[in-house]
Amino acid sequence: MLVYRSSPVTAHLHPHLSQISGFFPICFTVGDIGLIGLAVMGQNLILNAADHGFTVVAYNRTTSKVDHFLANEAKGKSILGAHSVAELCSKLKRPRRIILLVKAGNPVDQFIAQLVPHLEKGDIIIDGGNSHFPDTNRRFAELQEKGILFVGSGVSGGEEGARYGPSLMPGGAKEAWPHIKDIFQSISAKWSTMVLNTVTCN
């Protein structure tokens, strides 16, 4: 049995379904990328990705933050909410691409442990929390054994950078790069010709 609910994103992607009384199946996997952690950095990175044409699925452990975000800053944008890790994963295209923007340390490991049962070989976890490199190396090795691709990526530029173009420094499973390249290169900071010429001249 299919359960239906209203969704402007699925309406846009599947306009022929508008004949079904304006409701659309929740089972569509339309998310280009998922993001866990709706502090200001996480919210701004989601808004940045949405502005560049990506559909983002947002999740936070305190799910009321998801609802508040969708009703305010994310309203009218290509952003979907999830109230569980399982729902987040179910809404993502394959290979799944999931960014963690949570406190470094145990919270990263805890979310990885929650994610793994819902992932498949070739799915990608990206830790954007500036973790200590031995932890990144350990997670890379542990997830590699499960066939899951792990990337540790520094995110620099603060709240404004996350919103309009952060400096992203990914490292990890090289097999992941072809699948995350489009998003990383779209949302990251860009060198303008004017800036480049100024640096060169000086």
C-alpha atoms as a PDB file:
ATOM      1  CA  MET A   1       0.000   0.000   0.000  1.00  0.00           C
ATOM      2  CA  LEU A   2       1.304   3.455  -0.886  1.00  0.00           C
ATOM      3  CA  VAL A   3       0.884   6.337   1.509  1.00  0.00           C
ATOM      4  CA  TYR A   4       0.640   9.771  -0.059  1.00  0.00           C
ATOM      5  CA  ARG A   5       1.392  13.263   1.103  1.00  0.00           C
ATOM      6  CA  SER A   6       1.846  16.644  -0.528  1.00  0.00           C
ATOM      7  CA  SER A   7       5.312  17.460  -1.850  1.00  0.00           C
ATOM      8  CA  PRO A   8       6.246  20.390  -4.133  1.00  0.00           C
ATOM      9  CA  VAL A   9       9.519  18.654  -4.978  1.00  0.00           C
ATOM     10  CA  THR A  10       7.887  15.461  -6.223  1.00  0.00           C
ATOM     11  CA  ALA A  11       5.258  17.560  -7.954  1.00  0.00           C
ATOM     12  CA  HIS A  12       7.987  19.282  -9.925  1.00  0.00           C
ATOM     13  CA  LEU A  13       9.807  16.052 -10.761  1.00  0.00           C
ATOM     14  CA  HIS A  14       6.673  14.009 -11.468  1.00  0.00           C
ATOM     15  CA  PRO A  15       4.047  16.466 -12.791  1.00  0.00           C
ATOM     16  CA  HIS A  16       1.822  13.685 -14.151  1.00  0.00           C
ATOM     17  CA  LEU A  17       1.024  12.731 -10.555  1.00  0.00           C
ATOM     18  CA  SER A  18      -0.747  16.034 -10.003  1.00  0.00           C
ATOM     19  CA  GLN A  19      -3.909  14.329 -11.215  1.00  0.00           C
ATOM     20  CA  ILE A  20      -4.000  12.315  -7.990  1.00  0.00           C
ATOM     21  CA  SER A  21      -5.692  15.062  -5.960  1.00  0.00           C
ATOM     22  CA  GLY A  22      -2.433  16.931  -5.435  1.00  0.00           C
ATOM     23  CA  PHE A  23      -0.793  14.146  -3.430  1.00  0.00           C
ATOM     24  CA  PHE A  24       2.369  12.270  -4.182  1.00  0.00           C
ATOM     25  CA  PRO A  25       3.993   9.033  -2.979  1.00  0.00           C
ATOM     26  CA  ILE A  26       6.503   9.490  -0.174  1.00  0.00           C
ATOM     27  CA  CYS A  27       8.486   6.534  -1.506  1.00  0.00           C
ATOM     28  CA  PHE A  28      10.185   8.546  -4.277  1.00  0.00           C
ATOM     29  CA  THR A  29      13.949   8.715  -3.814  1.00  0.00           C
ATOM     30  CA  VAL A  30      14.538  12.238  -5.081  1.00  0.00           C
ATOM     31  CA  GLY A  31      17.247  13.493  -2.737  1.00  0.00           C
ATOM     32  CA  ASP A  32      20.629  14.255  -4.308  1.00  0.00           C
ATOM     33  CA  ILE A  33      22.320  14.448  -0.933  1.00  0.00           C
ATOM     34  CA  GLY A  34      21.430  14.154   2.729  1.00  0.00           C
ATOM     35  CA  LEU A  35      22.750  16.260   5.584  1.00  0.00           C
ATOM     36  CA  ILE A  36      22.677  15.470   9.289  1.00  0.00           C
ATOM     37  CA  GLY A  37      23.065  18.343  11.739  1.00  0.00           C
ATOM     38  CA  LEU A  38      20.914  21.467  11.592  1.00  0.00           C
ATOM     39  CA  ALA A  39      23.037  23.950  13.485  1.00  0.00           C
ATOM     40  CA  VAL A  40      23.656  27.169  11.541  1.00  0.00           C
ATOM     41  CA  MET A  41      26.498  25.668   9.478  1.00  0.00           C
ATOM     42  CA  GLY A  42      24.358  22.707   8.467  1.00  0.00           C
ATOM     43  CA  GLN A  43      21.360  24.835   7.581  1.00  0.00           C
ATOM     44  CA  ASN A  44      23.458  27.226   5.517  1.00  0.00           C
ATOM     45  CA  LEU A  45      25.196  24.426   3.626  1.00  0.00           C
ATOM     46  CA  ILE A  46      21.790  22.925   2.800  1.00  0.00           C
ATOM     47  CA  LEU A  47      20.497  26.287   1.546  1.00  0.00           C
ATOM     48  CA  ASN A  48      23.670  26.695  -0.527  1.00  0.00           C
ATOM     49  CA  ALA A  49      23.196  23.289  -2.162  1.00  0.00           C
ATOM     50  CA  ALA A  50      19.515  23.977  -2.835  1.00  0.00           C
ATOM     51  CA  ASP A  51      20.403  27.299  -4.487  1.00  0.00           C
ATOM     52  CA  HIS A  52      22.666  25.335  -6.858  1.00  0.00           C
ATOM     53  CA  GLY A  53      19.883  23.042  -7.993  1.00  0.00           C
ATOM     54  CA  PHE A  54      20.312  20.065  -5.670  1.00  0.00           C
ATOM     55  CA  THR A  55      17.528  18.428  -3.703  1.00  0.00           C
ATOM     56  CA  VAL A  56      18.668  18.008  -0.104  1.00  0.00           C
ATOM     57  CA  VAL A  57      17.219  15.794   2.624  1.00  0.00           C
ATOM     58  CA  ALA A  58      17.720  17.309   6.082  1.00  0.00           C
ATOM     59  CA  TYR A  59      17.802  15.439   9.394  1.00  0.00           C
ATOM     60  CA  ASN A  60      18.513  16.416  12.968  1.00  0.00           C
ATOM     61  CA  ARG A  61      18.417  14.318  16.120  1.00  0.00           C
ATOM     62  CA  THR A  62      15.998  16.848  17.612  1.00  0.00           C
ATOM     63  CA  THR A  63      13.366  16.475  14.921  1.00  0.00           C
ATOM     64  CA  SER A  64      11.515  19.648  15.897  1.00  0.00           C
ATOM     65  CA  LYS A  65      14.468  21.534  14.360  1.00  0.00           C
ATOM     66  CA  VAL A  66      13.738  19.784  11.062  1.00  0.00           C
ATOM     67  CA  ASP A  67      10.127  20.969  11.105  1.00  0.00           C
ATOM     68  CA  HIS A  68      11.113  24.513  12.068  1.00  0.00           C
ATOM     69  CA  PHE A  69      13.744  24.668   9.323  1.00  0.00           C
ATOM     70  CA  LEU A  70      11.316  23.431   6.670  1.00  0.00           C
ATOM     71  CA  ALA A  71       8.647  25.930   7.745  1.00  0.00           C
ATOM     72  CA  ASN A  72      11.026  28.895   7.746  1.00  0.00           C
ATOM     73  CA  GLU A  73      14.454  29.167   6.069  1.00  0.00           C
ATOM     74  CA  ALA A  74      13.911  26.164   3.774  1.00  0.00           C
ATOM     75  CA  LYS A  75      10.338  26.991   2.791  1.00  0.00           C
ATOM     76  CA  GLY A  76       9.774  26.862  -0.972  1.00  0.00           C
ATOM     77  CA  LYS A  77      13.211  25.384  -1.692  1.00  0.00           C
ATOM     78  CA  SER A  78      14.210  21.922  -2.936  1.00  0.00           C
ATOM     79  CA  ILE A  79      14.678  20.677   0.630  1.00  0.00           C
ATOM     80  CA  LEU A  80      12.984  17.667   2.198  1.00  0.00           C
ATOM     81  CA  GLY A  81      12.870  16.690   5.854  1.00  0.00           C
ATOM     82  CA  ALA A  82      13.424  13.351   7.554  1.00  0.00           C
ATOM     83  CA  HIS A  83      12.445  12.380  11.091  1.00  0.00           C
ATOM     84  CA  SER A  84      14.714   9.347  11.307  1.00  0.00           C
ATOM     85  CA  VAL A  85      17.956   8.065   9.850  1.00  0.00           C
ATOM     86  CA  ALA A  86      16.005   5.344   8.064  1.00  0.00           C
ATOM     87  CA  GLU A  87      13.724   7.924   6.418  1.00  0.00           C
ATOM     88  CA  LEU A  88      16.724  10.019   5.407  1.00  0.00           C
ATOM     89  CA  CYS A  89      18.353   7.076   3.660  1.00  0.00           C
ATOM     90  CA  SER A  90      15.117   6.008   1.986  1.00  0.00           C
ATOM     91  CA  LYS A  91      14.760   9.395   0.282  1.00  0.00           C
ATOM     92  CA  LEU A  92      18.210   9.463  -1.323  1.00  0.00           C
ATOM     93  CA  LYS A  93      19.229   8.464  -4.819  1.00  0.00           C
ATOM     94  CA  ARG A  94      21.894   5.777  -5.201  1.00  0.00           C
ATOM     95  CA  PRO A  95      24.699   5.913  -4.405  1.00  0.00           C
ATOM     96  CA  ARG A  96      23.555   7.701  -1.300  1.00  0.00           C
ATOM     97  CA  ARG A  97      25.618  10.741  -0.359  1.00  0.00           C
ATOM     98  CA  ILE A  98      25.329  11.857   3.260  1.00  0.00           C
ATOM     99  CA  ILE A  99      27.137  14.726   4.964  1.00  0.00           C
ATOM    100  CA  LEU A 100      27.604  14.729   8.735  1.00  0.00           C
ATOM    101  CA  LEU A 101      27.898  18.205  10.241  1.00  0.00           C
ATOM    102  CA  VAL A 102      27.898  17.250  13.904  1.00  0.00           C
ATOM    103  CA  LYS A 103      30.359  17.674  16.757  1.00  0.00           C
ATOM    104  CA  ALA A 104      33.640  15.847  16.171  1.00  0.00           C
ATOM    105  CA  GLY A 105      34.318  12.722  18.209  1.00  0.00           C
ATOM    106  CA  ASN A 106      31.736  10.273  19.517  1.00  0.00           C
ATOM    107  CA  PRO A 107      28.727  11.945  17.812  1.00  0.00           C
ATOM    108  CA  VAL A 108      30.260  11.150  14.406  1.00  0.00           C
ATOM    109  CA  ASP A 109      30.776   7.498  15.346  1.00  0.00           C
ATOM    110  CA  GLN A 110      27.259   7.271  16.758  1.00  0.00           C
ATOM    111  CA  PHE A 111      25.659   8.581  13.578  1.00  0.00           C
ATOM    112  CA  ILE A 112      27.810   6.336  11.402  1.00  0.00           C
ATOM    113  CA  ALA A 113      26.620   3.354  13.466  1.00  0.00           C
ATOM    114  CA  GLN A 114      23.004   4.437  12.903  1.00  0.00           C
ATOM    115  CA  LEU A 115      23.531   4.937   9.182  1.00  0.00           C
ATOM    116  CA  VAL A 116      25.337   1.715   8.298  1.00  0.00           C
ATOM    117  CA  PRO A 117      22.328  -0.663   8.615  1.00  0.00           C
ATOM    118  CA  HIS A 118      20.464   1.476   6.056  1.00  0.00           C
ATOM    119  CA  LEU A 119      23.291   1.810   3.525  1.00  0.00           C
ATOM    120  CA  GLU A 120      24.511  -0.339   0.653  1.00  0.00           C
ATOM    121  CA  LYS A 121      27.910  -0.953  -0.871  1.00  0.00           C
ATOM    122  CA  GLY A 122      29.083   2.130  -2.734  1.00  0.00           C
ATOM    123  CA  ASP A 123      27.138   4.592  -0.588  1.00  0.00           C
ATOM    124  CA  ILE A 124      29.124   7.574   0.697  1.00  0.00           C
ATOM    125  CA  ILE A 125      29.460   9.149   4.140  1.00  0.00           C
ATOM    126  CA  ILE A 126      31.134  12.560   4.324  1.00  0.00           C
ATOM    127  CA  ASP A 127      32.300  13.878   7.693  1.00  0.00           C
ATOM    128  CA  GLY A 128      32.370  17.667   7.518  1.00  0.00           C
ATOM    129  CA  GLY A 129      33.068  18.203  11.210  1.00  0.00           C
ATOM    130  CA  ASN A 130      36.841  18.775  11.088  1.00  0.00           C
ATOM    131  CA  SER A 131      37.600  15.536  12.916  1.00  0.00           C
ATOM    132  CA  HIS A 132      41.057  14.591  14.187  1.00  0.00           C
ATOM    133  CA  PHE A 133      42.829  12.746  11.372  1.00  0.00           C
ATOM    134  CA  PRO A 134      43.425   9.458  13.267  1.00  0.00           C
ATOM    135  CA  ASP A 135      39.656   9.199  13.715  1.00  0.00           C
ATOM    136  CA  THR A 136      39.155   9.846  10.007  1.00  0.00           C
ATOM    137  CA  ASN A 137      41.685   7.152   9.096  1.00  0.00           C
ATOM    138  CA  ARG A 138      40.017   4.660  11.444  1.00  0.00           C
ATOM    139  CA  ARG A 139      36.545   5.349  10.054  1.00  0.00           C
ATOM    140  CA  PHE A 140      37.824   5.062   6.507  1.00  0.00           C
ATOM    141  CA  ALA A 141      39.256   1.600   7.229  1.00  0.00           C
ATOM    142  CA  GLU A 142      36.219   0.380   9.161  1.00  0.00           C
ATOM    143  CA  LEU A 143      33.748   1.477   6.493  1.00  0.00           C
ATOM    144  CA  GLN A 144      35.935   0.220   3.664  1.00  0.00           C
ATOM    145  CA  GLU A 145      35.488  -3.298   5.073  1.00  0.00           C
ATOM    146  CA  LYS A 146      31.726  -2.844   4.692  1.00  0.00           C
ATOM    147  CA  GLY A 147      31.980  -1.481   1.149  1.00  0.00           C
ATOM    148  CA  ILE A 148      30.945   2.017   2.225  1.00  0.00           C
ATOM    149  CA  LEU A 149      32.996   4.972   0.973  1.00  0.00           C
ATOM    150  CA  PHE A 150      34.165   7.456   3.600  1.00  0.00           C
ATOM    151  CA  VAL A 151      35.372  11.006   3.031  1.00  0.00           C
ATOM    152  CA  GLY A 152      36.659  13.403   5.651  1.00  0.00           C
ATOM    153  CA  SER A 153      36.235  16.985   4.513  1.00  0.00           C
ATOM    154  CA  GLY A 154      37.230  20.156   6.262  1.00  0.00           C
ATOM    155  CA  VAL A 155      34.651  22.932   5.858  1.00  0.00           C
ATOM    156  CA  SER A 156      36.161  26.390   6.269  1.00  0.00           C
ATOM    157  CA  GLY A 157      34.614  29.836   6.013  1.00  0.00           C
ATOM    158  CA  GLY A 158      32.207  29.948   8.929  1.00  0.00           C
ATOM    159  CA  GLU A 159      28.480  30.483   8.664  1.00  0.00           C
ATOM    160  CA  GLU A 160      28.684  32.895   5.725  1.00  0.00           C
ATOM    161  CA  GLY A 161      31.069  30.606   3.884  1.00  0.00           C
ATOM    162  CA  ALA A 162      28.724  27.651   4.319  1.00  0.00           C
ATOM    163  CA  ARG A 163      25.884  29.729   2.897  1.00  0.00           C
ATOM    164  CA  TYR A 164      27.639  31.272  -0.094  1.00  0.00           C
ATOM    165  CA  GLY A 165      30.792  29.222  -0.737  1.00  0.00           C
ATOM    166  CA  PRO A 166      32.960  27.402   1.803  1.00  0.00           C
ATOM    167  CA  SER A 167      36.460  26.110   1.323  1.00  0.00           C
ATOM    168  CA  LEU A 168      36.075  22.324   1.132  1.00  0.00           C
ATOM    169  CA  MET A 169      39.036  19.994   1.673  1.00  0.00           C
ATOM    170  CA  PRO A 170      37.957  16.403   1.005  1.00  0.00           C
ATOM    171  CA  GLY A 171      40.151  13.357   1.455  1.00  0.00           C
ATOM    172  CA  GLY A 172      39.369   9.674   1.670  1.00  0.00           C
ATOM    173  CA  ALA A 173      37.969   7.067  -0.696  1.00  0.00           C
ATOM    174  CA  LYS A 174      38.984   8.146  -4.187  1.00  0.00           C
ATOM    175  CA  GLU A 175      36.087   6.127  -5.617  1.00  0.00           C
ATOM    176  CA  ALA A 176      33.741   8.627  -3.979  1.00  0.00           C
ATOM    177  CA  TRP A 177      35.023  11.668  -5.859  1.00  0.00           C
ATOM    178  CA  PRO A 178      33.146  11.130  -9.159  1.00  0.00           C
ATOM    179  CA  HIS A 179      29.916  10.980  -7.139  1.00  0.00           C
ATOM    180  CA  ILE A 180      30.498  14.042  -4.949  1.00  0.00           C
ATOM    181  CA  LYS A 181      32.430  16.205  -7.412  1.00  0.00           C
ATOM    182  CA  ASP A 182      29.353  17.933  -8.824  1.00  0.00           C
ATOM    183  CA  ILE A 183      28.068  19.005  -5.424  1.00  0.00           C
ATOM    184  CA  PHE A 184      31.450  19.997  -3.983  1.00  0.00           C
ATOM    185  CA  GLN A 185      32.453  22.052  -6.999  1.00  0.00           C
ATOM    186  CA  SER A 186      29.042  23.740  -7.181  1.00  0.00           C
ATOM    187  CA  ILE A 187      28.747  24.852  -3.557  1.00  0.00           C
ATOM    188  CA  SER A 188      32.395  25.680  -2.810  1.00  0.00           C
ATOM    189  CA  ALA A 189      34.094  29.065  -2.945  1.00  0.00           C
ATOM    190  CA  LYS A 190      35.265  30.202  -6.390  1.00  0.00           C
ATOM    191  CA  TRP A 191      38.288  32.206  -7.499  1.00  0.00           C
ATOM    192  CA  SER A 192      37.210  35.128  -9.645  1.00  0.00           C
ATOM    193  CA  THR A 193      39.438  36.456 -12.426  1.00  0.00           C
ATOM    194  CA  MET A 194      39.721  39.766 -10.569  1.00  0.00           C
ATOM    195  CA  VAL A 195      40.889  38.103  -7.345  1.00  0.00           C
ATOM    196  CA  LEU A 196      43.304  35.846  -9.234  1.00  0.00           C
ATOM    197  CA  ASN A 197      44.843  38.793 -11.088  1.00  0.00           C
ATOM    198  CA  THR A 198      45.200  40.755  -7.839  1.00  0.00           C
ATOM    199  CA  VAL A 199      46.975  37.861  -6.135  1.00  0.00           C
ATOM    200  CA  THR A 200      49.246  37.374  -9.134  1.00  0.00           C
ATOM    201  CA  CYS A 201      50.130  41.064  -9.387  1.00  0.00           C
ATOM    202  CA  ASN A 202      50.841  41.385  -5.673  1.00  0.00           C
END
